[in-house]
Amino acid sequence: MRVVKEADERKNEILDAANELFGQKGFDGTSTNDILEKVDIARGTLYYHFKSKEEILNALIERYNIRLLSAAQKIASNTGLPINERIIRVIMALNVNNGSGKEIIAQMHKPQNALMHQKTQKAILNGITPILAEIIKEGIEQGLFNTSFPYECIEMIITYANTVFDNDMEMTDEERSERIKAFIFNIERLLGVESGGLIPCLMKVFDSESEKEHE
């Protein structure tokens, strides 16, 4: 006998099951029958919530991005933090290493899930860029930055970060270190920040994250 559940609860249950199956078999390798068996629901129940497997994928990406953007927006709104530190923390928030974020990231980097990867990167670019652009405008008003293209600068920064620091990129520790230095150098040039101006904030954020990992 199947248990009757609230619509939102059932929908999330389907998404959780699909998320796990996509991780094990890939998007293309998972059938709707696999999802039905795992959740133990009738086909009509599945189609009541999602019309296709593609729609399930889109809902998974949307759920992941909502969580990510919510975390980024919370950081951006924290006026108790210096502007430079807020920028660095928002960029670092793009790297979600726990919970469902970790599972989706792992799935995205499988060849069979290239579509999920592409859609998520596009959503991150479209969602994070305006959040950071507002911080940049605030910094311009305070005389911290000097650029006529706040939105476009952030778009370039996020595009580079998404590509070069993607977990799919194979780099040695030395190569990654050099790219991080170049990344900070070019952020400073794009935003018109004095050379080395972002380094103290970057080190403060990294030290803080390192302390959390060791707690």
N, C-alpha and C. Protein backbone atom coordinates (compact mmCIF):
# COMPACT_ATOMS: atom_id res chain seq x y z
N MET A 1 0.85 -1.20 0.00
CA MET A 1 0.00 0.00 0.00
C MET A 1 0.87 1.24 0.00
N ARG A 2 0.67 2.11 -0.99
CA ARG A 2 1.47 3.32 -1.11
C ARG A 2 0.98 4.38 -0.14
N VAL A 3 1.94 5.15 0.40
CA VAL A 3 1.61 6.20 1.35
C VAL A 3 1.28 7.48 0.61
N VAL A 4 0.22 8.15 0.99
CA VAL A 4 -0.18 9.43 0.39
C VAL A 4 0.59 10.54 1.10
N LYS A 5 1.27 11.38 0.33
CA LYS A 5 2.07 12.45 0.92
C LYS A 5 1.67 13.79 0.32
N GLU A 6 2.03 14.87 1.04
CA GLU A 6 1.79 16.22 0.54
C GLU A 6 2.55 16.42 -0.76
N ALA A 7 2.01 17.30 -1.64
CA ALA A 7 2.59 17.49 -2.97
C ALA A 7 4.06 17.90 -2.92
N ASP A 8 4.40 18.89 -2.08
CA ASP A 8 5.78 19.36 -2.01
C ASP A 8 6.72 18.28 -1.48
N GLU A 9 6.24 17.52 -0.51
CA GLU A 9 7.05 16.45 0.06
C GLU A 9 7.31 15.38 -0.99
N ARG A 10 6.27 15.01 -1.74
CA ARG A 10 6.43 13.99 -2.77
C ARG A 10 7.35 14.49 -3.89
N LYS A 11 7.18 15.75 -4.26
CA LYS A 11 8.00 16.32 -5.32
C LYS A 11 9.48 16.29 -4.94
N ASN A 12 9.80 16.67 -3.70
CA ASN A 12 11.18 16.66 -3.24
C ASN A 12 11.73 15.25 -3.12
N GLU A 13 10.83 14.31 -2.79
CA GLU A 13 11.24 12.91 -2.70
C GLU A 13 11.64 12.40 -4.09
N ILE A 14 10.88 12.78 -5.10
CA ILE A 14 11.21 12.41 -6.48
C ILE A 14 12.55 13.03 -6.90
N LEU A 15 12.74 14.29 -6.56
CA LEU A 15 13.98 14.98 -6.91
C LEU A 15 15.18 14.35 -6.21
N ASP A 16 15.01 13.99 -4.94
CA ASP A 16 16.10 13.36 -4.20
C ASP A 16 16.49 12.03 -4.83
N ALA A 17 15.47 11.27 -5.22
CA ALA A 17 15.72 9.96 -5.84
C ALA A 17 16.41 10.13 -7.20
N ALA A 18 15.91 11.08 -7.99
CA ALA A 18 16.50 11.32 -9.31
C ALA A 18 17.94 11.81 -9.17
N ASN A 19 18.18 12.66 -8.18
CA ASN A 19 19.52 13.18 -7.94
C ASN A 19 20.50 12.04 -7.66
N GLU A 20 20.07 11.10 -6.85
CA GLU A 20 20.92 9.95 -6.52
C GLU A 20 21.14 9.05 -7.72
N LEU A 21 20.07 8.80 -8.47
CA LEU A 21 20.17 7.92 -9.63
C LEU A 21 21.02 8.54 -10.74
N PHE A 22 20.86 9.85 -10.97
CA PHE A 22 21.67 10.53 -11.98
C PHE A 22 23.15 10.42 -11.61
N GLY A 23 23.43 10.46 -10.30
CA GLY A 23 24.80 10.34 -9.84
C GLY A 23 25.37 8.96 -10.08
N GLN A 24 24.53 7.95 -9.96
CA GLN A 24 24.97 6.56 -10.13
C GLN A 24 25.05 6.15 -11.60
N LYS A 25 24.01 6.54 -12.36
CA LYS A 25 23.89 6.05 -13.73
C LYS A 25 24.07 7.12 -14.80
N GLY A 26 24.09 8.40 -14.38
CA GLY A 26 24.09 9.47 -15.35
C GLY A 26 22.67 9.78 -15.79
N PHE A 27 22.48 10.95 -16.36
CA PHE A 27 21.14 11.36 -16.80
C PHE A 27 20.59 10.43 -17.87
N ASP A 28 21.40 10.18 -18.90
CA ASP A 28 20.94 9.34 -20.01
C ASP A 28 20.73 7.89 -19.58
N GLY A 29 21.50 7.42 -18.60
CA GLY A 29 21.41 6.04 -18.17
C GLY A 29 20.29 5.76 -17.18
N THR A 30 19.62 6.81 -16.72
CA THR A 30 18.51 6.66 -15.77
C THR A 30 17.18 6.73 -16.50
N SER A 31 16.34 5.75 -16.27
CA SER A 31 15.01 5.75 -16.89
C SER A 31 13.96 6.23 -15.89
N THR A 32 12.80 6.60 -16.40
CA THR A 32 11.72 6.98 -15.49
C THR A 32 11.29 5.79 -14.65
N ASN A 33 11.42 4.58 -15.19
CA ASN A 33 11.11 3.38 -14.41
C ASN A 33 12.02 3.25 -13.19
N ASP A 34 13.30 3.62 -13.37
CA ASP A 34 14.25 3.59 -12.25
C ASP A 34 13.76 4.51 -11.12
N ILE A 35 13.30 5.67 -11.52
CA ILE A 35 12.83 6.66 -10.53
C ILE A 35 11.55 6.17 -9.86
N LEU A 36 10.65 5.59 -10.65
CA LEU A 36 9.40 5.07 -10.11
C LEU A 36 9.66 3.98 -9.06
N GLU A 37 10.58 3.08 -9.40
CA GLU A 37 10.89 1.98 -8.48
C GLU A 37 11.54 2.48 -7.20
N LYS A 38 12.41 3.47 -7.32
CA LYS A 38 13.12 3.96 -6.14
C LYS A 38 12.19 4.69 -5.18
N VAL A 39 11.25 5.47 -5.74
CA VAL A 39 10.32 6.24 -4.89
C VAL A 39 9.10 5.40 -4.52
N ASP A 40 8.87 4.34 -5.32
CA ASP A 40 7.71 3.46 -5.13
C ASP A 40 6.41 4.23 -5.31
N ILE A 41 6.28 4.81 -6.50
CA ILE A 41 5.07 5.56 -6.85
C ILE A 41 4.58 5.10 -8.22
N ALA A 42 3.33 5.44 -8.52
CA ALA A 42 2.75 5.12 -9.82
C ALA A 42 3.23 6.13 -10.86
N ARG A 43 3.21 5.73 -12.12
CA ARG A 43 3.66 6.62 -13.19
C ARG A 43 2.82 7.90 -13.23
N GLY A 44 1.55 7.76 -12.96
CA GLY A 44 0.68 8.94 -12.97
C GLY A 44 1.09 9.97 -11.92
N THR A 45 1.56 9.49 -10.77
CA THR A 45 2.02 10.39 -9.71
C THR A 45 3.26 11.15 -10.16
N LEU A 46 4.18 10.44 -10.82
CA LEU A 46 5.39 11.09 -11.33
C LEU A 46 5.03 12.17 -12.33
N TYR A 47 4.14 11.83 -13.29
CA TYR A 47 3.80 12.77 -14.34
C TYR A 47 2.92 13.92 -13.84
N TYR A 48 2.33 13.74 -12.68
CA TYR A 48 1.57 14.84 -12.06
C TYR A 48 2.54 15.96 -11.66
N HIS A 49 3.72 15.57 -11.20
CA HIS A 49 4.72 16.55 -10.75
C HIS A 49 5.68 16.97 -11.87
N PHE A 50 6.06 16.01 -12.71
CA PHE A 50 7.03 16.28 -13.77
C PHE A 50 6.59 15.60 -15.06
N LYS A 51 6.58 16.35 -16.15
CA LYS A 51 6.10 15.81 -17.41
C LYS A 51 7.15 14.96 -18.13
N SER A 52 8.42 15.12 -17.75
CA SER A 52 9.48 14.38 -18.42
C SER A 52 10.72 14.31 -17.54
N LYS A 53 11.66 13.48 -17.95
CA LYS A 53 12.93 13.37 -17.23
C LYS A 53 13.71 14.68 -17.34
N GLU A 54 13.59 15.33 -18.49
CA GLU A 54 14.24 16.63 -18.70
C GLU A 54 13.72 17.65 -17.70
N GLU A 55 12.42 17.60 -17.43
CA GLU A 55 11.82 18.53 -16.47
C GLU A 55 12.33 18.25 -15.06
N ILE A 56 12.59 17.00 -14.74
CA ILE A 56 13.16 16.65 -13.44
C ILE A 56 14.57 17.24 -13.33
N LEU A 57 15.35 17.10 -14.39
CA LEU A 57 16.70 17.65 -14.42
C LEU A 57 16.67 19.16 -14.19
N ASN A 58 15.77 19.84 -14.89
CA ASN A 58 15.66 21.28 -14.75
C ASN A 58 15.29 21.68 -13.33
N ALA A 59 14.40 20.89 -12.71
CA ALA A 59 13.98 21.18 -11.33
C ALA A 59 15.12 20.98 -10.35
N LEU A 60 15.96 19.97 -10.60
CA LEU A 60 17.12 19.71 -9.76
C LEU A 60 18.11 20.87 -9.84
N ILE A 61 18.35 21.34 -11.04
CA ILE A 61 19.27 22.46 -11.24
C ILE A 61 18.71 23.71 -10.58
N GLU A 62 17.40 23.92 -10.75
CA GLU A 62 16.78 25.10 -10.14
C GLU A 62 16.88 25.05 -8.61
N ARG A 63 16.64 23.89 -8.02
CA ARG A 63 16.71 23.75 -6.57
C ARG A 63 18.13 24.03 -6.07
N TYR A 64 19.10 23.49 -6.78
CA TYR A 64 20.51 23.70 -6.42
C TYR A 64 20.88 25.18 -6.52
N ASN A 65 20.46 25.81 -7.62
CA ASN A 65 20.82 27.21 -7.84
C ASN A 65 20.12 28.15 -6.87
N ILE A 66 18.91 27.82 -6.47
CA ILE A 66 18.19 28.65 -5.49
C ILE A 66 18.96 28.66 -4.18
N ARG A 67 19.45 27.49 -3.77
CA ARG A 67 20.22 27.40 -2.53
C ARG A 67 21.53 28.18 -2.64
N LEU A 68 22.19 28.03 -3.77
CA LEU A 68 23.47 28.70 -3.98
C LEU A 68 23.28 30.22 -4.01
N LEU A 69 22.31 30.69 -4.78
CA LEU A 69 22.08 32.13 -4.91
C LEU A 69 21.59 32.74 -3.60
N SER A 70 20.83 31.97 -2.84
CA SER A 70 20.36 32.45 -1.55
C SER A 70 21.54 32.69 -0.61
N ALA A 71 22.50 31.76 -0.62
CA ALA A 71 23.70 31.91 0.21
C ALA A 71 24.52 33.11 -0.24
N ALA A 72 24.65 33.29 -1.56
CA ALA A 72 25.41 34.42 -2.09
C ALA A 72 24.74 35.75 -1.75
N GLN A 73 23.41 35.79 -1.87
CA GLN A 73 22.68 37.03 -1.58
C GLN A 73 22.79 37.40 -0.10
N LYS A 74 22.79 36.40 0.76
CA LYS A 74 22.93 36.64 2.20
C LYS A 74 24.27 37.29 2.51
N ILE A 75 25.33 36.79 1.86
CA ILE A 75 26.66 37.37 2.04
C ILE A 75 26.70 38.79 1.50
N ALA A 76 26.15 38.98 0.31
CA ALA A 76 26.18 40.30 -0.34
C ALA A 76 25.45 41.35 0.48
N SER A 77 24.43 40.93 1.20
CA SER A 77 23.61 41.87 1.98
C SER A 77 24.21 42.18 3.35
N ASN A 78 25.27 41.49 3.71
CA ASN A 78 25.89 41.69 5.02
C ASN A 78 26.78 42.93 5.00
N THR A 79 26.21 44.09 5.25
CA THR A 79 26.95 45.34 5.20
C THR A 79 27.95 45.47 6.35
N GLY A 80 27.92 44.51 7.27
CA GLY A 80 28.90 44.52 8.35
C GLY A 80 30.28 44.08 7.87
N LEU A 81 30.32 43.46 6.67
CA LEU A 81 31.58 43.03 6.08
C LEU A 81 32.09 44.10 5.11
N PRO A 82 33.39 44.31 5.00
CA PRO A 82 33.95 45.24 4.01
C PRO A 82 33.56 44.79 2.61
N ILE A 83 33.45 45.74 1.70
CA ILE A 83 33.03 45.44 0.34
C ILE A 83 33.94 44.40 -0.33
N ASN A 84 35.25 44.59 -0.23
CA ASN A 84 36.18 43.64 -0.86
C ASN A 84 35.99 42.22 -0.34
N GLU A 85 35.75 42.11 0.97
CA GLU A 85 35.56 40.79 1.57
C GLU A 85 34.25 40.17 1.10
N ARG A 86 33.23 40.99 0.94
CA ARG A 86 31.94 40.47 0.46
C ARG A 86 32.10 39.89 -0.95
N ILE A 87 32.86 40.57 -1.80
CA ILE A 87 33.06 40.10 -3.17
C ILE A 87 33.74 38.73 -3.17
N ILE A 88 34.82 38.61 -2.40
CA ILE A 88 35.56 37.35 -2.34
C ILE A 88 34.68 36.23 -1.78
N ARG A 89 33.91 36.54 -0.74
CA ARG A 89 33.07 35.51 -0.11
C ARG A 89 31.94 35.07 -1.05
N VAL A 90 31.38 35.99 -1.82
CA VAL A 90 30.32 35.62 -2.76
C VAL A 90 30.89 34.69 -3.84
N ILE A 91 32.07 35.02 -4.35
CA ILE A 91 32.70 34.17 -5.37
C ILE A 91 32.98 32.78 -4.81
N MET A 92 33.46 32.73 -3.54
CA MET A 92 33.75 31.44 -2.92
C MET A 92 32.48 30.64 -2.65
N ALA A 93 31.35 31.33 -2.49
CA ALA A 93 30.08 30.65 -2.24
C ALA A 93 29.65 29.82 -3.44
N LEU A 94 30.25 30.09 -4.61
CA LEU A 94 29.93 29.31 -5.81
C LEU A 94 30.44 27.88 -5.70
N ASN A 95 31.38 27.66 -4.79
CA ASN A 95 31.95 26.33 -4.62
C ASN A 95 31.26 25.65 -3.45
N VAL A 96 30.15 24.95 -3.73
CA VAL A 96 29.38 24.29 -2.68
C VAL A 96 29.90 22.87 -2.53
N ASN A 97 30.50 22.56 -1.38
CA ASN A 97 31.16 21.26 -1.21
C ASN A 97 30.47 20.32 -0.24
N ASN A 98 29.19 20.58 0.06
CA ASN A 98 28.52 19.66 0.95
C ASN A 98 27.05 19.52 0.55
N GLY A 99 26.36 18.58 1.18
CA GLY A 99 24.93 18.41 0.92
C GLY A 99 24.64 18.08 -0.53
N SER A 100 23.48 18.51 -1.00
CA SER A 100 23.08 18.20 -2.37
C SER A 100 23.94 18.89 -3.39
N GLY A 101 24.56 20.03 -2.99
CA GLY A 101 25.46 20.73 -3.90
C GLY A 101 26.60 19.84 -4.32
N LYS A 102 27.17 19.11 -3.37
CA LYS A 102 28.28 18.22 -3.66
C LYS A 102 27.85 17.13 -4.63
N GLU A 103 26.66 16.58 -4.43
CA GLU A 103 26.17 15.51 -5.30
C GLU A 103 25.96 16.02 -6.72
N ILE A 104 25.37 17.21 -6.86
CA ILE A 104 25.12 17.74 -8.20
C ILE A 104 26.42 18.09 -8.90
N ILE A 105 27.37 18.67 -8.15
CA ILE A 105 28.67 18.98 -8.74
C ILE A 105 29.32 17.72 -9.27
N ALA A 106 29.27 16.64 -8.47
CA ALA A 106 29.86 15.37 -8.90
C ALA A 106 29.18 14.86 -10.17
N GLN A 107 27.88 15.02 -10.24
CA GLN A 107 27.13 14.57 -11.41
C GLN A 107 27.47 15.41 -12.64
N MET A 108 27.61 16.72 -12.43
CA MET A 108 27.87 17.62 -13.54
C MET A 108 29.17 17.30 -14.25
N HIS A 109 30.14 16.77 -13.50
CA HIS A 109 31.44 16.55 -14.09
C HIS A 109 31.59 15.18 -14.74
N LYS A 110 30.49 14.48 -14.86
CA LYS A 110 30.50 13.24 -15.61
C LYS A 110 30.14 13.54 -17.06
N PRO A 111 30.85 12.93 -18.02
CA PRO A 111 30.62 13.23 -19.44
C PRO A 111 29.15 13.11 -19.84
N GLN A 112 28.45 12.13 -19.27
CA GLN A 112 27.06 11.91 -19.67
C GLN A 112 26.12 13.00 -19.15
N ASN A 113 26.63 13.86 -18.24
CA ASN A 113 25.79 14.92 -17.69
C ASN A 113 26.23 16.30 -18.14
N ALA A 114 26.78 16.40 -19.33
CA ALA A 114 27.28 17.68 -19.85
C ALA A 114 26.16 18.72 -19.91
N LEU A 115 24.93 18.27 -20.20
CA LEU A 115 23.80 19.20 -20.28
C LEU A 115 23.53 19.86 -18.93
N MET A 116 23.58 19.07 -17.86
CA MET A 116 23.38 19.61 -16.52
C MET A 116 24.46 20.64 -16.19
N HIS A 117 25.69 20.32 -16.55
CA HIS A 117 26.82 21.21 -16.30
C HIS A 117 26.62 22.54 -17.01
N GLN A 118 26.26 22.48 -18.28
CA GLN A 118 26.08 23.68 -19.08
C GLN A 118 24.96 24.56 -18.53
N LYS A 119 23.84 23.94 -18.17
CA LYS A 119 22.71 24.70 -17.67
C LYS A 119 23.02 25.34 -16.31
N THR A 120 23.73 24.62 -15.47
CA THR A 120 24.06 25.16 -14.15
C THR A 120 25.01 26.33 -14.25
N GLN A 121 26.03 26.23 -15.09
CA GLN A 121 26.96 27.33 -15.27
C GLN A 121 26.26 28.57 -15.79
N LYS A 122 25.32 28.38 -16.71
CA LYS A 122 24.58 29.52 -17.25
C LYS A 122 23.72 30.17 -16.17
N ALA A 123 23.08 29.35 -15.34
CA ALA A 123 22.24 29.87 -14.27
C ALA A 123 23.07 30.63 -13.24
N ILE A 124 24.27 30.11 -12.93
CA ILE A 124 25.16 30.79 -11.99
C ILE A 124 25.58 32.15 -12.54
N LEU A 125 25.96 32.17 -13.80
CA LEU A 125 26.37 33.42 -14.43
C LEU A 125 25.25 34.46 -14.39
N ASN A 126 24.04 34.03 -14.75
CA ASN A 126 22.91 34.95 -14.79
C ASN A 126 22.45 35.40 -13.40
N GLY A 127 22.64 34.51 -12.41
CA GLY A 127 22.16 34.83 -11.06
C GLY A 127 23.16 35.59 -10.21
N ILE A 128 24.44 35.20 -10.28
CA ILE A 128 25.46 35.81 -9.43
C ILE A 128 25.91 37.17 -9.94
N THR A 129 25.97 37.33 -11.26
CA THR A 129 26.49 38.58 -11.84
C THR A 129 25.76 39.83 -11.32
N PRO A 130 24.43 39.88 -11.33
CA PRO A 130 23.76 41.09 -10.81
C PRO A 130 23.98 41.30 -9.32
N ILE A 131 24.13 40.21 -8.56
CA ILE A 131 24.38 40.34 -7.12
C ILE A 131 25.72 41.03 -6.88
N LEU A 132 26.75 40.57 -7.58
CA LEU A 132 28.07 41.15 -7.43
C LEU A 132 28.16 42.55 -8.04
N ALA A 133 27.44 42.77 -9.13
CA ALA A 133 27.47 44.09 -9.78
C ALA A 133 26.97 45.18 -8.83
N GLU A 134 25.99 44.84 -7.99
CA GLU A 134 25.49 45.82 -7.02
C GLU A 134 26.55 46.16 -5.98
N ILE A 135 27.34 45.17 -5.58
CA ILE A 135 28.42 45.44 -4.62
C ILE A 135 29.48 46.33 -5.28
N ILE A 136 29.77 46.06 -6.55
CA ILE A 136 30.76 46.86 -7.27
C ILE A 136 30.29 48.31 -7.38
N LYS A 137 29.02 48.52 -7.68
CA LYS A 137 28.48 49.88 -7.76
C LYS A 137 28.61 50.60 -6.43
N GLU A 138 28.38 49.85 -5.34
CA GLU A 138 28.54 50.41 -4.01
C GLU A 138 30.00 50.82 -3.79
N GLY A 139 30.92 49.98 -4.25
CA GLY A 139 32.34 50.28 -4.12
C GLY A 139 32.76 51.47 -4.95
N ILE A 140 32.16 51.62 -6.12
CA ILE A 140 32.46 52.77 -6.98
C ILE A 140 32.04 54.06 -6.29
N GLU A 141 30.85 54.04 -5.67
CA GLU A 141 30.35 55.21 -4.96
C GLU A 141 31.26 55.59 -3.79
N GLN A 142 31.90 54.60 -3.18
CA GLN A 142 32.79 54.85 -2.05
C GLN A 142 34.23 55.13 -2.49
N GLY A 143 34.46 55.12 -3.80
CA GLY A 143 35.80 55.40 -4.31
C GLY A 143 36.77 54.24 -4.22
N LEU A 144 36.25 53.03 -3.97
CA LEU A 144 37.13 51.86 -3.86
C LEU A 144 37.47 51.28 -5.23
N PHE A 145 36.53 51.40 -6.18
CA PHE A 145 36.72 50.85 -7.52
C PHE A 145 36.62 51.95 -8.56
N ASN A 146 37.20 51.67 -9.72
CA ASN A 146 37.16 52.63 -10.81
C ASN A 146 36.93 51.90 -12.12
N THR A 147 35.67 51.69 -12.43
CA THR A 147 35.31 51.04 -13.70
C THR A 147 33.97 51.57 -14.18
N SER A 148 33.87 51.69 -15.49
CA SER A 148 32.60 52.13 -16.10
C SER A 148 31.73 50.94 -16.48
N PHE A 149 32.23 49.73 -16.24
CA PHE A 149 31.52 48.52 -16.66
C PHE A 149 31.42 47.51 -15.53
N PRO A 150 30.71 47.84 -14.44
CA PRO A 150 30.63 46.92 -13.30
C PRO A 150 30.03 45.56 -13.66
N TYR A 151 28.93 45.56 -14.40
CA TYR A 151 28.26 44.31 -14.75
C TYR A 151 29.15 43.45 -15.64
N GLU A 152 29.72 44.08 -16.68
CA GLU A 152 30.54 43.33 -17.63
C GLU A 152 31.82 42.79 -16.97
N CYS A 153 32.41 43.57 -16.04
CA CYS A 153 33.60 43.10 -15.33
C CYS A 153 33.29 41.84 -14.53
N ILE A 154 32.17 41.87 -13.82
CA ILE A 154 31.79 40.71 -13.01
C ILE A 154 31.47 39.52 -13.90
N GLU A 155 30.85 39.77 -15.03
CA GLU A 155 30.53 38.70 -15.98
C GLU A 155 31.81 37.99 -16.42
N MET A 156 32.85 38.78 -16.72
CA MET A 156 34.14 38.21 -17.12
C MET A 156 34.76 37.41 -15.98
N ILE A 157 34.68 37.94 -14.77
CA ILE A 157 35.28 37.28 -13.60
C ILE A 157 34.61 35.95 -13.33
N ILE A 158 33.27 35.94 -13.35
CA ILE A 158 32.53 34.70 -13.06
C ILE A 158 32.74 33.67 -14.17
N THR A 159 32.79 34.13 -15.42
CA THR A 159 33.02 33.21 -16.53
C THR A 159 34.38 32.53 -16.39
N TYR A 160 35.40 33.32 -16.04
CA TYR A 160 36.74 32.77 -15.85
C TYR A 160 36.77 31.80 -14.68
N ALA A 161 36.18 32.22 -13.56
CA ALA A 161 36.17 31.38 -12.36
C ALA A 161 35.45 30.06 -12.62
N ASN A 162 34.32 30.12 -13.33
CA ASN A 162 33.54 28.92 -13.64
C ASN A 162 34.32 27.94 -14.52
N THR A 163 35.16 28.49 -15.39
CA THR A 163 35.88 27.66 -16.34
C THR A 163 37.19 27.14 -15.78
N VAL A 164 38.03 28.04 -15.28
CA VAL A 164 39.38 27.67 -14.86
C VAL A 164 39.41 26.94 -13.52
N PHE A 165 38.51 27.34 -12.60
CA PHE A 165 38.52 26.70 -11.28
C PHE A 165 37.46 25.62 -11.16
N ASP A 166 36.94 25.20 -12.30
CA ASP A 166 36.00 24.10 -12.35
C ASP A 166 36.72 22.83 -11.91
N ASN A 167 36.04 22.00 -11.13
CA ASN A 167 36.66 20.75 -10.65
C ASN A 167 37.02 19.80 -11.78
N ASP A 168 36.51 20.07 -12.97
CA ASP A 168 36.80 19.20 -14.10
C ASP A 168 38.17 19.50 -14.71
N MET A 169 38.75 20.65 -14.33
CA MET A 169 40.06 21.04 -14.85
C MET A 169 41.16 20.33 -14.07
N GLU A 170 42.02 19.63 -14.78
CA GLU A 170 43.11 18.92 -14.13
C GLU A 170 44.32 19.83 -14.04
N MET A 171 44.71 20.21 -12.79
CA MET A 171 45.85 21.09 -12.56
C MET A 171 46.65 20.61 -11.36
N THR A 172 47.95 20.84 -11.42
CA THR A 172 48.77 20.58 -10.25
C THR A 172 48.54 21.69 -9.24
N ASP A 173 48.98 21.50 -8.00
CA ASP A 173 48.84 22.53 -6.98
C ASP A 173 49.57 23.80 -7.40
N GLU A 174 50.72 23.63 -8.04
CA GLU A 174 51.50 24.79 -8.49
C GLU A 174 50.76 25.56 -9.58
N GLU A 175 50.17 24.83 -10.51
CA GLU A 175 49.42 25.47 -11.60
C GLU A 175 48.20 26.22 -11.05
N ARG A 176 47.50 25.60 -10.11
CA ARG A 176 46.33 26.24 -9.50
C ARG A 176 46.74 27.51 -8.74
N SER A 177 47.86 27.42 -8.02
CA SER A 177 48.35 28.56 -7.26
C SER A 177 48.66 29.74 -8.19
N GLU A 178 49.30 29.46 -9.32
CA GLU A 178 49.63 30.51 -10.27
C GLU A 178 48.37 31.13 -10.87
N ARG A 179 47.38 30.30 -11.13
CA ARG A 179 46.14 30.82 -11.70
C ARG A 179 45.37 31.67 -10.70
N ILE A 180 45.42 31.30 -9.43
CA ILE A 180 44.77 32.10 -8.40
C ILE A 180 45.42 33.47 -8.32
N LYS A 181 46.76 33.50 -8.38
CA LYS A 181 47.48 34.78 -8.35
C LYS A 181 47.08 35.64 -9.55
N ALA A 182 47.04 35.01 -10.73
CA ALA A 182 46.67 35.74 -11.94
C ALA A 182 45.22 36.21 -11.87
N PHE A 183 44.37 35.37 -11.28
CA PHE A 183 42.95 35.70 -11.14
C PHE A 183 42.79 36.97 -10.30
N ILE A 184 43.44 37.01 -9.13
CA ILE A 184 43.35 38.18 -8.27
C ILE A 184 43.95 39.41 -8.94
N PHE A 185 45.10 39.22 -9.61
CA PHE A 185 45.74 40.32 -10.31
C PHE A 185 44.80 40.95 -11.33
N ASN A 186 44.12 40.10 -12.10
CA ASN A 186 43.24 40.61 -13.16
C ASN A 186 41.93 41.17 -12.61
N ILE A 187 41.44 40.64 -11.48
CA ILE A 187 40.27 41.25 -10.85
C ILE A 187 40.61 42.68 -10.45
N GLU A 188 41.79 42.86 -9.87
CA GLU A 188 42.22 44.21 -9.46
C GLU A 188 42.31 45.14 -10.66
N ARG A 189 42.83 44.64 -11.78
CA ARG A 189 42.94 45.48 -12.97
C ARG A 189 41.55 45.84 -13.51
N LEU A 190 40.66 44.86 -13.56
CA LEU A 190 39.32 45.11 -14.09
C LEU A 190 38.54 46.12 -13.26
N LEU A 191 38.72 46.04 -11.94
CA LEU A 191 37.95 46.91 -11.05
C LEU A 191 38.67 48.21 -10.71
N GLY A 192 39.89 48.35 -11.20
CA GLY A 192 40.63 49.57 -10.91
C GLY A 192 41.08 49.66 -9.47
N VAL A 193 41.41 48.50 -8.88
CA VAL A 193 41.86 48.45 -7.49
C VAL A 193 43.38 48.53 -7.46
N GLU A 194 43.92 49.19 -6.44
CA GLU A 194 45.37 49.27 -6.28
C GLU A 194 45.97 47.86 -6.19
N SER A 195 47.11 47.65 -6.82
CA SER A 195 47.74 46.34 -6.84
C SER A 195 47.94 45.80 -5.43
N GLY A 196 47.46 44.57 -5.20
CA GLY A 196 47.56 43.95 -3.88
C GLY A 196 46.41 44.31 -2.97
N GLY A 197 45.47 45.11 -3.47
CA GLY A 197 44.37 45.58 -2.63
C GLY A 197 43.41 44.50 -2.18
N LEU A 198 43.30 43.42 -2.97
CA LEU A 198 42.37 42.34 -2.62
C LEU A 198 43.04 41.21 -1.85
N ILE A 199 44.37 41.21 -1.82
CA ILE A 199 45.09 40.12 -1.16
C ILE A 199 44.75 39.98 0.32
N PRO A 200 44.76 41.07 1.13
CA PRO A 200 44.43 40.92 2.55
C PRO A 200 43.06 40.31 2.78
N CYS A 201 42.07 40.74 1.99
CA CYS A 201 40.71 40.20 2.13
C CYS A 201 40.68 38.74 1.75
N LEU A 202 41.41 38.39 0.70
CA LEU A 202 41.44 37.00 0.24
C LEU A 202 42.04 36.10 1.32
N MET A 203 43.14 36.55 1.92
CA MET A 203 43.79 35.76 2.95
C MET A 203 42.90 35.62 4.19
N LYS A 204 42.18 36.69 4.52
CA LYS A 204 41.28 36.66 5.67
C LYS A 204 40.17 35.63 5.46
N VAL A 205 39.62 35.60 4.24
CA VAL A 205 38.55 34.66 3.93
C VAL A 205 39.08 33.23 3.94
N PHE A 206 40.24 32.99 3.32
CA PHE A 206 40.82 31.65 3.30
C PHE A 206 41.14 31.15 4.70
N ASP A 207 41.67 32.05 5.55
CA ASP A 207 42.00 31.68 6.94
C ASP A 207 40.73 31.30 7.69
N SER A 208 39.67 32.06 7.45
CA SER A 208 38.39 31.80 8.11
C SER A 208 37.82 30.46 7.68
N GLU A 209 37.88 30.17 6.36
CA GLU A 209 37.36 28.89 5.85
C GLU A 209 38.20 27.73 6.37
N SER A 210 39.51 27.95 6.48
CA SER A 210 40.40 26.89 6.98
C SER A 210 40.08 26.56 8.43
N GLU A 211 39.77 27.58 9.22
CA GLU A 211 39.43 27.36 10.63
C GLU A 211 38.14 26.55 10.75
N LYS A 212 37.18 26.83 9.88
CA LYS A 212 35.90 26.09 9.90
C LYS A 212 36.13 24.62 9.59
N GLU A 213 37.02 24.34 8.65
CA GLU A 213 37.28 22.96 8.24
C GLU A 213 37.91 22.15 9.36
N HIS A 214 38.63 22.83 10.27
CA HIS A 214 39.33 22.14 11.34
C HIS A 214 38.53 22.10 12.66
N GLU A 215 37.35 22.71 12.65
CA GLU A 215 36.51 22.69 13.86
C GLU A 215 35.87 21.32 14.05
